[in-house]
Amino acid sequence: MILSALSCGLASVESDLIHGTMAAVGLG
């Protein structure tokens, strides 16, 4: 599990991704 989490983190920062953001919204 911890190696999977590390893999997810490394893939996230090392991949060519757009400059993105998330937001919480008070609507369903």
mmCIF file of all heavy atoms, coordinates in Angstrom:
data_MODEL
# 
_entry.id   MODEL 
# 
loop_
_atom_site.group_PDB 
_atom_site.id 
_atom_site.type_symbol 
_atom_site.label_atom_id 
_atom_site.label_alt_id 
_atom_site.label_comp_id 
_atom_site.label_asym_id 
_atom_site.label_entity_id 
_atom_site.label_seq_id 
_atom_site.pdbx_PDB_ins_code 
_atom_site.Cartn_x 
_atom_site.Cartn_y 
_atom_site.Cartn_z 
_atom_site.occupancy 
_atom_site.B_iso_or_equiv 
_atom_site.pdbx_formal_charge 
_atom_site.auth_seq_id 
_atom_site.auth_comp_id 
_atom_site.auth_asym_id 
_atom_site.auth_atom_id 
_atom_site.pdbx_PDB_model_num 
ATOM 1   N N   . MET A 1 1  ? 0.822   -1.208 0.000   1.00 0.00 ? 1  MET A N   1 
ATOM 2   C CA  . MET A 1 1  ? 0.000   0.000  0.000   1.00 0.00 ? 1  MET A CA  1 
ATOM 3   C C   . MET A 1 1  ? 0.855   1.255  0.000   1.00 0.00 ? 1  MET A C   1 
ATOM 4   O O   . MET A 1 1  ? 0.601   2.187  -0.765  1.00 0.00 ? 1  MET A O   1 
ATOM 5   C CB  . MET A 1 1  ? -0.942  0.015  1.202   1.00 0.00 ? 1  MET A CB  1 
ATOM 6   C CG  . MET A 1 1  ? -1.832  1.257  1.184   1.00 0.00 ? 1  MET A CG  1 
ATOM 7   S SD  . MET A 1 1  ? -2.861  1.381  2.633   1.00 0.00 ? 1  MET A SD  1 
ATOM 8   C CE  . MET A 1 1  ? -3.307  3.112  2.570   1.00 0.00 ? 1  MET A CE  1 
ATOM 9   N N   . ILE A 1 2  ? 1.875   1.295  0.843   1.00 0.00 ? 2  ILE A N   1 
ATOM 10  C CA  . ILE A 1 2  ? 2.690   2.511  0.921   1.00 0.00 ? 2  ILE A CA  1 
ATOM 11  C C   . ILE A 1 2  ? 3.493   2.698  -0.365  1.00 0.00 ? 2  ILE A C   1 
ATOM 12  O O   . ILE A 1 2  ? 3.692   3.831  -0.819  1.00 0.00 ? 2  ILE A O   1 
ATOM 13  C CB  . ILE A 1 2  ? 3.586   2.518  2.191   1.00 0.00 ? 2  ILE A CB  1 
ATOM 14  C CG1 . ILE A 1 2  ? 3.979   3.954  2.570   1.00 0.00 ? 2  ILE A CG1 1 
ATOM 15  C CG2 . ILE A 1 2  ? 4.826   1.680  2.040   1.00 0.00 ? 2  ILE A CG2 1 
ATOM 16  C CD1 . ILE A 1 2  ? 2.872   4.770  3.149   1.00 0.00 ? 2  ILE A CD1 1 
ATOM 17  N N   . LEU A 1 3  ? 3.911   1.609  -1.001  1.00 0.00 ? 3  LEU A N   1 
ATOM 18  C CA  . LEU A 1 3  ? 4.607   1.727  -2.286  1.00 0.00 ? 3  LEU A CA  1 
ATOM 19  C C   . LEU A 1 3  ? 3.656   2.191  -3.392  1.00 0.00 ? 3  LEU A C   1 
ATOM 20  O O   . LEU A 1 3  ? 4.058   2.937  -4.288  1.00 0.00 ? 3  LEU A O   1 
ATOM 21  C CB  . LEU A 1 3  ? 5.261   0.403  -2.670  1.00 0.00 ? 3  LEU A CB  1 
ATOM 22  C CG  . LEU A 1 3  ? 6.526   0.033  -1.905  1.00 0.00 ? 3  LEU A CG  1 
ATOM 23  C CD1 . LEU A 1 3  ? 7.007   -1.361 -2.302  1.00 0.00 ? 3  LEU A CD1 1 
ATOM 24  C CD2 . LEU A 1 3  ? 7.626   1.063  -2.151  1.00 0.00 ? 3  LEU A CD2 1 
ATOM 25  N N   . SER A 1 4  ? 2.410   1.772  -3.322  1.00 0.00 ? 4  SER A N   1 
ATOM 26  C CA  . SER A 1 4  ? 1.413   2.244  -4.284  1.00 0.00 ? 4  SER A CA  1 
ATOM 27  C C   . SER A 1 4  ? 1.172   3.735  -4.118  1.00 0.00 ? 4  SER A C   1 
ATOM 28  O O   . SER A 1 4  ? 1.065   4.477  -5.102  1.00 0.00 ? 4  SER A O   1 
ATOM 29  C CB  . SER A 1 4  ? 0.094   1.492  -4.110  1.00 0.00 ? 4  SER A CB  1 
ATOM 30  O OG  . SER A 1 4  ? 0.251   0.136  -4.431  1.00 0.00 ? 4  SER A OG  1 
ATOM 31  N N   . ALA A 1 5  ? 1.089   4.183  -2.871  1.00 0.00 ? 5  ALA A N   1 
ATOM 32  C CA  . ALA A 1 5  ? 0.905   5.610  -2.609  1.00 0.00 ? 5  ALA A CA  1 
ATOM 33  C C   . ALA A 1 5  ? 2.101   6.411  -3.116  1.00 0.00 ? 5  ALA A C   1 
ATOM 34  O O   . ALA A 1 5  ? 1.944   7.474  -3.731  1.00 0.00 ? 5  ALA A O   1 
ATOM 35  C CB  . ALA A 1 5  ? 0.694   5.845  -1.113  1.00 0.00 ? 5  ALA A CB  1 
ATOM 36  N N   . LEU A 1 6  ? 3.294   5.891  -2.880  1.00 0.00 ? 6  LEU A N   1 
ATOM 37  C CA  . LEU A 1 6  ? 4.496   6.556  -3.393  1.00 0.00 ? 6  LEU A CA  1 
ATOM 38  C C   . LEU A 1 6  ? 4.463   6.609  -4.915  1.00 0.00 ? 6  LEU A C   1 
ATOM 39  O O   . LEU A 1 6  ? 4.784   7.638  -5.518  1.00 0.00 ? 6  LEU A O   1 
ATOM 40  C CB  . LEU A 1 6  ? 5.750   5.822  -2.907  1.00 0.00 ? 6  LEU A CB  1 
ATOM 41  C CG  . LEU A 1 6  ? 7.089   6.358  -3.415  1.00 0.00 ? 6  LEU A CG  1 
ATOM 42  C CD1 . LEU A 1 6  ? 7.295   7.818  -3.023  1.00 0.00 ? 6  LEU A CD1 1 
ATOM 43  C CD2 . LEU A 1 6  ? 8.238   5.489  -2.891  1.00 0.00 ? 6  LEU A CD2 1 
ATOM 44  N N   . SER A 1 7  ? 4.060   5.513  -5.542  1.00 0.00 ? 7  SER A N   1 
ATOM 45  C CA  . SER A 1 7  ? 3.967   5.466  -7.003  1.00 0.00 ? 7  SER A CA  1 
ATOM 46  C C   . SER A 1 7  ? 3.004   6.524  -7.530  1.00 0.00 ? 7  SER A C   1 
ATOM 47  O O   . SER A 1 7  ? 3.291   7.205  -8.520  1.00 0.00 ? 7  SER A O   1 
ATOM 48  C CB  . SER A 1 7  ? 3.511   4.081  -7.464  1.00 0.00 ? 7  SER A CB  1 
ATOM 49  O OG  . SER A 1 7  ? 4.450   3.092  -7.106  1.00 0.00 ? 7  SER A OG  1 
ATOM 50  N N   . CYS A 1 8  ? 1.864   6.668  -6.863  1.00 0.00 ? 8  CYS A N   1 
ATOM 51  C CA  . CYS A 1 8  ? 0.878   7.687  -7.267  1.00 0.00 ? 8  CYS A CA  1 
ATOM 52  C C   . CYS A 1 8  ? 1.458   9.092  -7.150  1.00 0.00 ? 8  CYS A C   1 
ATOM 53  O O   . CYS A 1 8  ? 1.281   9.928  -8.044  1.00 0.00 ? 8  CYS A O   1 
ATOM 54  C CB  . CYS A 1 8  ? -0.379  7.584  -6.406  1.00 0.00 ? 8  CYS A CB  1 
ATOM 55  S SG  . CYS A 1 8  ? -1.378  6.119  -6.699  1.00 0.00 ? 8  CYS A SG  1 
ATOM 56  N N   . GLY A 1 9  ? 2.144   9.347  -6.048  1.00 0.00 ? 9  GLY A N   1 
ATOM 57  C CA  . GLY A 1 9  ? 2.735   10.663 -5.847  1.00 0.00 ? 9  GLY A CA  1 
ATOM 58  C C   . GLY A 1 9  ? 3.806   10.983 -6.868  1.00 0.00 ? 9  GLY A C   1 
ATOM 59  O O   . GLY A 1 9  ? 3.827   12.070 -7.452  1.00 0.00 ? 9  GLY A O   1 
ATOM 60  N N   . LEU A 1 10 ? 4.699   10.019 -7.089  1.00 0.00 ? 10 LEU A N   1 
ATOM 61  C CA  . LEU A 1 10 ? 5.779   10.233 -8.058  1.00 0.00 ? 10 LEU A CA  1 
ATOM 62  C C   . LEU A 1 10 ? 5.219   10.440 -9.463  1.00 0.00 ? 10 LEU A C   1 
ATOM 63  O O   . LEU A 1 10 ? 5.661   11.333 -10.200 1.00 0.00 ? 10 LEU A O   1 
ATOM 64  C CB  . LEU A 1 10 ? 6.743   9.052  -8.041  1.00 0.00 ? 10 LEU A CB  1 
ATOM 65  C CG  . LEU A 1 10 ? 7.608   8.917  -6.779  1.00 0.00 ? 10 LEU A CG  1 
ATOM 66  C CD1 . LEU A 1 10 ? 8.331   7.575  -6.775  1.00 0.00 ? 10 LEU A CD1 1 
ATOM 67  C CD2 . LEU A 1 10 ? 8.606   10.064 -6.675  1.00 0.00 ? 10 LEU A CD2 1 
ATOM 68  N N   . ALA A 1 11 ? 4.244   9.628  -9.848  1.00 0.00 ? 11 ALA A N   1 
ATOM 69  C CA  . ALA A 1 11 ? 3.647   9.770  -11.182 1.00 0.00 ? 11 ALA A CA  1 
ATOM 70  C C   . ALA A 1 11 ? 2.982   11.128 -11.338 1.00 0.00 ? 11 ALA A C   1 
ATOM 71  O O   . ALA A 1 11 ? 3.034   11.738 -12.411 1.00 0.00 ? 11 ALA A O   1 
ATOM 72  C CB  . ALA A 1 11 ? 2.639   8.649  -11.430 1.00 0.00 ? 11 ALA A CB  1 
ATOM 73  N N   . SER A 1 12 ? 2.371   11.625 -10.273 1.00 0.00 ? 12 SER A N   1 
ATOM 74  C CA  . SER A 1 12 ? 1.693   12.917 -10.323 1.00 0.00 ? 12 SER A CA  1 
ATOM 75  C C   . SER A 1 12 ? 2.657   14.068 -10.569 1.00 0.00 ? 12 SER A C   1 
ATOM 76  O O   . SER A 1 12 ? 2.372   14.960 -11.357 1.00 0.00 ? 12 SER A O   1 
ATOM 77  C CB  . SER A 1 12 ? 0.923   13.170 -9.023  1.00 0.00 ? 12 SER A CB  1 
ATOM 78  O OG  . SER A 1 12 ? -0.078  12.205 -8.832  1.00 0.00 ? 12 SER A OG  1 
ATOM 79  N N   . VAL A 1 13 ? 3.794   14.034 -9.896  1.00 0.00 ? 13 VAL A N   1 
ATOM 80  C CA  . VAL A 1 13 ? 4.724   15.168 -10.022 1.00 0.00 ? 13 VAL A CA  1 
ATOM 81  C C   . VAL A 1 13 ? 5.661   15.043 -11.221 1.00 0.00 ? 13 VAL A C   1 
ATOM 82  O O   . VAL A 1 13 ? 6.190   16.050 -11.694 1.00 0.00 ? 13 VAL A O   1 
ATOM 83  C CB  . VAL A 1 13 ? 5.547   15.387 -8.731  1.00 0.00 ? 13 VAL A CB  1 
ATOM 84  C CG1 . VAL A 1 13 ? 4.637   15.702 -7.558  1.00 0.00 ? 13 VAL A CG1 1 
ATOM 85  C CG2 . VAL A 1 13 ? 6.437   14.208 -8.407  1.00 0.00 ? 13 VAL A CG2 1 
ATOM 86  N N   . GLU A 1 14 ? 5.848   13.840 -11.719 1.00 0.00 ? 14 GLU A N   1 
ATOM 87  C CA  . GLU A 1 14 ? 6.792   13.648 -12.819 1.00 0.00 ? 14 GLU A CA  1 
ATOM 88  C C   . GLU A 1 14 ? 6.142   13.663 -14.200 1.00 0.00 ? 14 GLU A C   1 
ATOM 89  O O   . GLU A 1 14 ? 6.838   13.680 -15.210 1.00 0.00 ? 14 GLU A O   1 
ATOM 90  C CB  . GLU A 1 14 ? 7.553   12.329 -12.631 1.00 0.00 ? 14 GLU A CB  1 
ATOM 91  C CG  . GLU A 1 14 ? 8.474   12.346 -11.430 1.00 0.00 ? 14 GLU A CG  1 
ATOM 92  C CD  . GLU A 1 14 ? 9.167   11.010 -11.193 1.00 0.00 ? 14 GLU A CD  1 
ATOM 93  O OE1 . GLU A 1 14 ? 8.981   10.082 -12.014 1.00 0.00 ? 14 GLU A OE1 1 
ATOM 94  O OE2 . GLU A 1 14 ? 9.865   10.893 -10.174 1.00 0.00 ? 14 GLU A OE2 1 
ATOM 95  N N   . SER A 1 15 ? 4.825   13.665 -14.255 1.00 0.00 ? 15 SER A N   1 
ATOM 96  C CA  . SER A 1 15 ? 4.127   13.651 -15.543 1.00 0.00 ? 15 SER A CA  1 
ATOM 97  C C   . SER A 1 15 ? 3.869   15.073 -16.025 1.00 0.00 ? 15 SER A C   1 
ATOM 98  O O   . SER A 1 15 ? 3.811   16.020 -15.242 1.00 0.00 ? 15 SER A O   1 
ATOM 99  C CB  . SER A 1 15 ? 2.804   12.894 -15.418 1.00 0.00 ? 15 SER A CB  1 
ATOM 100 O OG  . SER A 1 15 ? 3.046   11.555 -15.049 1.00 0.00 ? 15 SER A OG  1 
ATOM 101 N N   . ASP A 1 16 ? 3.697   15.209 -17.325 1.00 0.00 ? 16 ASP A N   1 
ATOM 102 C CA  . ASP A 1 16 ? 3.440   16.506 -17.935 1.00 0.00 ? 16 ASP A CA  1 
ATOM 103 C C   . ASP A 1 16 ? 1.942   16.795 -17.852 1.00 0.00 ? 16 ASP A C   1 
ATOM 104 O O   . ASP A 1 16 ? 1.166   16.388 -18.719 1.00 0.00 ? 16 ASP A O   1 
ATOM 105 C CB  . ASP A 1 16 ? 3.915   16.505 -19.395 1.00 0.00 ? 16 ASP A CB  1 
ATOM 106 C CG  . ASP A 1 16 ? 3.813   17.873 -20.039 1.00 0.00 ? 16 ASP A CG  1 
ATOM 107 O OD1 . ASP A 1 16 ? 3.723   18.874 -19.289 1.00 0.00 ? 16 ASP A OD1 1 
ATOM 108 O OD2 . ASP A 1 16 ? 3.793   17.942 -21.282 1.00 0.00 ? 16 ASP A OD2 1 
ATOM 109 N N   . LEU A 1 17 ? 1.538   17.490 -16.788 1.00 0.00 ? 17 LEU A N   1 
ATOM 110 C CA  . LEU A 1 17 ? 0.132   17.765 -16.537 1.00 0.00 ? 17 LEU A CA  1 
ATOM 111 C C   . LEU A 1 17 ? -0.141  19.263 -16.640 1.00 0.00 ? 17 LEU A C   1 
ATOM 112 O O   . LEU A 1 17 ? 0.760   20.077 -16.453 1.00 0.00 ? 17 LEU A O   1 
ATOM 113 C CB  . LEU A 1 17 ? -0.255  17.283 -15.133 1.00 0.00 ? 17 LEU A CB  1 
ATOM 114 C CG  . LEU A 1 17 ? 0.029   15.814 -14.802 1.00 0.00 ? 17 LEU A CG  1 
ATOM 115 C CD1 . LEU A 1 17 ? -0.269  15.541 -13.332 1.00 0.00 ? 17 LEU A CD1 1 
ATOM 116 C CD2 . LEU A 1 17 ? -0.782  14.897 -15.699 1.00 0.00 ? 17 LEU A CD2 1 
ATOM 117 N N   . ILE A 1 18 ? -1.392  19.607 -16.909 1.00 0.00 ? 18 ILE A N   1 
ATOM 118 C CA  . ILE A 1 18 ? -1.761  21.022 -16.929 1.00 0.00 ? 18 ILE A CA  1 
ATOM 119 C C   . ILE A 1 18 ? -1.640  21.593 -15.520 1.00 0.00 ? 18 ILE A C   1 
ATOM 120 O O   . ILE A 1 18 ? -1.624  20.854 -14.533 1.00 0.00 ? 18 ILE A O   1 
ATOM 121 C CB  . ILE A 1 18 ? -3.206  21.219 -17.438 1.00 0.00 ? 18 ILE A CB  1 
ATOM 122 C CG1 . ILE A 1 18 ? -4.214  20.600 -16.444 1.00 0.00 ? 18 ILE A CG1 1 
ATOM 123 C CG2 . ILE A 1 18 ? -3.381  20.678 -18.848 1.00 0.00 ? 18 ILE A CG2 1 
ATOM 124 C CD1 . ILE A 1 18 ? -5.607  21.166 -16.552 1.00 0.00 ? 18 ILE A CD1 1 
ATOM 125 N N   . HIS A 1 19 ? -1.582  22.914 -15.415 1.00 0.00 ? 19 HIS A N   1 
ATOM 126 C CA  . HIS A 1 19 ? -1.631  23.578 -14.113 1.00 0.00 ? 19 HIS A CA  1 
ATOM 127 C C   . HIS A 1 19 ? -3.079  23.513 -13.662 1.00 0.00 ? 19 HIS A C   1 
ATOM 128 O O   . HIS A 1 19 ? -3.941  24.194 -14.209 1.00 0.00 ? 19 HIS A O   1 
ATOM 129 C CB  . HIS A 1 19 ? -1.160  25.026 -14.227 1.00 0.00 ? 19 HIS A CB  1 
ATOM 130 C CG  . HIS A 1 19 ? -0.849  25.666 -12.916 1.00 0.00 ? 19 HIS A CG  1 
ATOM 131 N ND1 . HIS A 1 19 ? -1.823  26.092 -12.047 1.00 0.00 ? 19 HIS A ND1 1 
ATOM 132 C CD2 . HIS A 1 19 ? 0.337   25.915 -12.325 1.00 0.00 ? 19 HIS A CD2 1 
ATOM 133 C CE1 . HIS A 1 19 ? -1.253  26.606 -10.973 1.00 0.00 ? 19 HIS A CE1 1 
ATOM 134 N NE2 . HIS A 1 19 ? 0.070   26.511 -11.114 1.00 0.00 ? 19 HIS A NE2 1 
ATOM 135 N N   . GLY A 1 20 ? -3.355  22.646 -12.705 1.00 0.00 ? 20 GLY A N   1 
ATOM 136 C CA  . GLY A 1 20 ? -4.735  22.388 -12.323 1.00 0.00 ? 20 GLY A CA  1 
ATOM 137 C C   . GLY A 1 20 ? -5.054  22.755 -10.897 1.00 0.00 ? 20 GLY A C   1 
ATOM 138 O O   . GLY A 1 20 ? -4.167  22.973 -10.066 1.00 0.00 ? 20 GLY A O   1 
ATOM 139 N N   . THR A 1 21 ? -6.339  22.788 -10.608 1.00 0.00 ? 21 THR A N   1 
ATOM 140 C CA  . THR A 1 21 ? -6.837  23.138 -9.283  1.00 0.00 ? 21 THR A CA  1 
ATOM 141 C C   . THR A 1 21 ? -8.121  22.368 -9.032  1.00 0.00 ? 21 THR A C   1 
ATOM 142 O O   . THR A 1 21 ? -8.807  21.975 -9.976  1.00 0.00 ? 21 THR A O   1 
ATOM 143 C CB  . THR A 1 21 ? -7.112  24.661 -9.192  1.00 0.00 ? 21 THR A CB  1 
ATOM 144 O OG1 . THR A 1 21 ? -5.909  25.373 -9.467  1.00 0.00 ? 21 THR A OG1 1 
ATOM 145 C CG2 . THR A 1 21 ? -7.611  25.076 -7.815  1.00 0.00 ? 21 THR A CG2 1 
ATOM 146 N N   . MET A 1 22 ? -8.432  22.194 -7.764  1.00 0.00 ? 22 MET A N   1 
ATOM 147 C CA  . MET A 1 22 ? -9.712  21.596 -7.374  1.00 0.00 ? 22 MET A CA  1 
ATOM 148 C C   . MET A 1 22 ? -10.417 22.574 -6.438  1.00 0.00 ? 22 MET A C   1 
ATOM 149 O O   . MET A 1 22 ? -9.775  23.440 -5.832  1.00 0.00 ? 22 MET A O   1 
ATOM 150 C CB  . MET A 1 22 ? -9.484  20.249 -6.685  1.00 0.00 ? 22 MET A CB  1 
ATOM 151 C CG  . MET A 1 22 ? -8.838  19.214 -7.577  1.00 0.00 ? 22 MET A CG  1 
ATOM 152 S SD  . MET A 1 22 ? -8.592  17.609 -6.771  1.00 0.00 ? 22 MET A SD  1 
ATOM 153 C CE  . MET A 1 22 ? -10.280 16.966 -6.805  1.00 0.00 ? 22 MET A CE  1 
ATOM 154 N N   . ALA A 1 23 ? -11.725 22.433 -6.342  1.00 0.00 ? 23 ALA A N   1 
ATOM 155 C CA  . ALA A 1 23 ? -12.493 23.307 -5.451  1.00 0.00 ? 23 ALA A CA  1 
ATOM 156 C C   . ALA A 1 23 ? -13.678 22.545 -4.873  1.00 0.00 ? 23 ALA A C   1 
ATOM 157 O O   . ALA A 1 23 ? -14.271 21.698 -5.543  1.00 0.00 ? 23 ALA A O   1 
ATOM 158 C CB  . ALA A 1 23 ? -12.985 24.544 -6.203  1.00 0.00 ? 23 ALA A CB  1 
ATOM 159 N N   . ALA A 1 24 ? -13.990 22.872 -3.634  1.00 0.00 ? 24 ALA A N   1 
ATOM 160 C CA  . ALA A 1 24 ? -15.188 22.334 -2.980  1.00 0.00 ? 24 ALA A CA  1 
ATOM 161 C C   . ALA A 1 24 ? -16.348 23.264 -3.302  1.00 0.00 ? 24 ALA A C   1 
ATOM 162 O O   . ALA A 1 24 ? -16.204 24.484 -3.274  1.00 0.00 ? 24 ALA A O   1 
ATOM 163 C CB  . ALA A 1 24 ? -14.973 22.263 -1.471  1.00 0.00 ? 24 ALA A CB  1 
ATOM 164 N N   . VAL A 1 25 ? -17.505 22.678 -3.638  1.00 0.00 ? 25 VAL A N   1 
ATOM 165 C CA  . VAL A 1 25 ? -18.684 23.456 -4.017  1.00 0.00 ? 25 VAL A CA  1 
ATOM 166 C C   . VAL A 1 25 ? -19.890 22.959 -3.228  1.00 0.00 ? 25 VAL A C   1 
ATOM 167 O O   . VAL A 1 25 ? -20.092 21.750 -3.085  1.00 0.00 ? 25 VAL A O   1 
ATOM 168 C CB  . VAL A 1 25 ? -18.959 23.320 -5.541  1.00 0.00 ? 25 VAL A CB  1 
ATOM 169 C CG1 . VAL A 1 25 ? -20.214 24.099 -5.929  1.00 0.00 ? 25 VAL A CG1 1 
ATOM 170 C CG2 . VAL A 1 25 ? -17.765 23.790 -6.356  1.00 0.00 ? 25 VAL A CG2 1 
ATOM 171 N N   . GLY A 1 26 ? -20.683 23.891 -2.739  1.00 0.00 ? 26 GLY A N   1 
ATOM 172 C CA  . GLY A 1 26 ? -21.864 23.549 -1.948  1.00 0.00 ? 26 GLY A CA  1 
ATOM 173 C C   . GLY A 1 26 ? -23.083 23.228 -2.783  1.00 0.00 ? 26 GLY A C   1 
ATOM 174 O O   . GLY A 1 26 ? -24.181 23.738 -2.520  1.00 0.00 ? 26 GLY A O   1 
ATOM 175 N N   . LEU A 1 27 ? -22.898 22.390 -3.793  1.00 0.00 ? 27 LEU A N   1 
ATOM 176 C CA  . LEU A 1 27 ? -23.995 21.915 -4.632  1.00 0.00 ? 27 LEU A CA  1 
ATOM 177 C C   . LEU A 1 27 ? -23.768 20.440 -4.926  1.00 0.00 ? 27 LEU A C   1 
ATOM 178 O O   . LEU A 1 27 ? -22.629 20.003 -5.065  1.00 0.00 ? 27 LEU A O   1 
ATOM 179 C CB  . LEU A 1 27 ? -24.049 22.663 -5.971  1.00 0.00 ? 27 LEU A CB  1 
ATOM 180 C CG  . LEU A 1 27 ? -24.435 24.135 -5.968  1.00 0.00 ? 27 LEU A CG  1 
ATOM 181 C CD1 . LEU A 1 27 ? -24.253 24.720 -7.365  1.00 0.00 ? 27 LEU A CD1 1 
ATOM 182 C CD2 . LEU A 1 27 ? -25.863 24.322 -5.498  1.00 0.00 ? 27 LEU A CD2 1 
ATOM 183 N N   . GLY A 1 28 ? -24.841 19.688 -5.064  1.00 0.00 ? 28 GLY A N   1 
ATOM 184 C CA  . GLY A 1 28 ? -24.725 18.296 -5.445  1.00 0.00 ? 28 GLY A CA  1 
ATOM 185 C C   . GLY A 1 28 ? -24.500 18.162 -6.939  1.00 0.00 ? 28 GLY A C   1 
ATOM 186 O O   . GLY A 1 28 ? -24.717 19.105 -7.712  1.00 0.00 ? 28 GLY A O   1 
# 
